[in-house]
């Protein structure tokens, strides 16, 4: 079974509301499992969404594949 991760755990930084909503909608449309978990730390206390690590990898890999190269020499 896949490890369930929050976006913060996967990215190593806060994702923000906009990206969080995009990932949630993508998970729903693909029928991916997701759940909620309560967290409490000095910066945030509340519920966060968690997704299978394989879904997050697939989602962000596909986003990176569609991004244009920024350091092309021409």
Protein backbone atom coordinates (compact mmCIF):
# COMPACT_ATOMS: atom_id res chain seq x y z
CA UNK A 1 0.00 0.00 0.00
CA UNK A 2 1.21 3.48 -0.89
CA UNK A 3 2.33 5.87 1.81
CA UNK A 4 -0.19 8.69 2.28
CA UNK A 5 1.48 12.11 2.23
CA UNK A 6 0.45 15.72 2.54
CA UNK A 7 1.62 18.17 -0.09
CA UNK A 8 3.94 19.71 2.50
CA UNK A 9 5.56 16.33 3.16
CA UNK A 10 5.94 15.62 -0.56
CA UNK A 11 7.17 19.06 -1.64
CA UNK A 12 9.11 19.97 1.49
CA UNK A 13 7.39 23.36 1.61
CA UNK A 14 3.86 24.78 1.93
CA UNK A 15 1.85 24.25 -1.25
CA UNK A 16 -0.68 27.05 -0.83
CA UNK A 17 -4.41 27.04 -1.47
CA UNK A 18 -4.26 27.27 -5.27
CA UNK A 19 -1.97 24.25 -5.75
CA UNK A 20 -3.81 22.35 -3.02
CA UNK A 21 -7.09 22.79 -4.88
CA UNK A 22 -5.51 21.73 -8.20
CA UNK A 23 -4.13 18.53 -6.67
CA UNK A 24 -7.43 17.76 -4.92
CA UNK A 25 -9.41 18.18 -8.15
CA UNK A 26 -6.91 16.04 -10.07
CA UNK A 27 -7.14 13.29 -7.44
CA UNK A 28 -10.94 13.34 -7.62
CA UNK A 29 -10.99 13.23 -11.41
CA UNK A 30 -8.53 10.30 -11.50
CA UNK A 31 -10.34 8.42 -8.74
CA UNK A 32 -7.23 8.49 -6.54
CA UNK A 33 -7.60 7.79 -2.85
CA UNK A 34 -7.26 10.75 -0.53
CA UNK A 35 -7.96 11.44 3.10
CA UNK A 36 -7.56 14.11 5.75
CA UNK A 37 -5.24 14.24 8.72
CA UNK A 38 -5.00 16.74 11.54
CA UNK A 39 -1.64 18.43 12.04
CA UNK A 40 -0.36 20.83 14.64
CA UNK A 41 2.92 22.71 14.43
CA UNK A 42 4.10 26.26 15.18
CA UNK A 43 3.02 27.51 11.72
CA UNK A 44 -0.26 25.63 11.15
CA UNK A 45 -2.89 23.74 13.09
CA UNK A 46 -5.74 22.08 11.27
CA UNK A 47 -6.69 19.50 8.70
CA UNK A 48 -4.58 18.67 5.65
CA UNK A 49 -5.34 16.46 2.69
CA UNK A 50 -3.18 13.40 2.12
CA UNK A 51 -2.67 11.51 -1.13
CA UNK A 52 -0.84 8.34 -2.14
CA UNK A 53 2.83 9.08 -2.80
CA UNK A 54 2.58 7.43 -6.24
CA UNK A 55 -0.28 9.78 -7.22
CA UNK A 56 1.71 12.85 -6.13
CA UNK A 57 4.78 11.65 -8.05
CA UNK A 58 2.69 11.07 -11.19
CA UNK A 59 0.94 14.43 -10.82
CA UNK A 60 4.08 16.51 -10.34
CA UNK A 61 6.10 14.55 -12.94
CA UNK A 62 3.41 15.30 -15.52
CA UNK A 63 3.41 18.99 -14.53
CA UNK A 64 7.20 19.16 -14.94
CA UNK A 65 7.00 17.50 -18.36
CA UNK A 66 4.71 20.27 -19.63
CA UNK A 67 6.84 23.14 -18.34
CA UNK A 68 9.06 24.79 -20.97
CA UNK A 69 12.81 24.62 -20.50
CA UNK A 70 14.02 27.90 -19.04
CA UNK A 71 17.72 27.67 -19.80
CA UNK A 72 17.73 26.99 -23.52
CA UNK A 73 20.57 28.75 -25.35
CA UNK A 74 18.26 30.22 -28.00
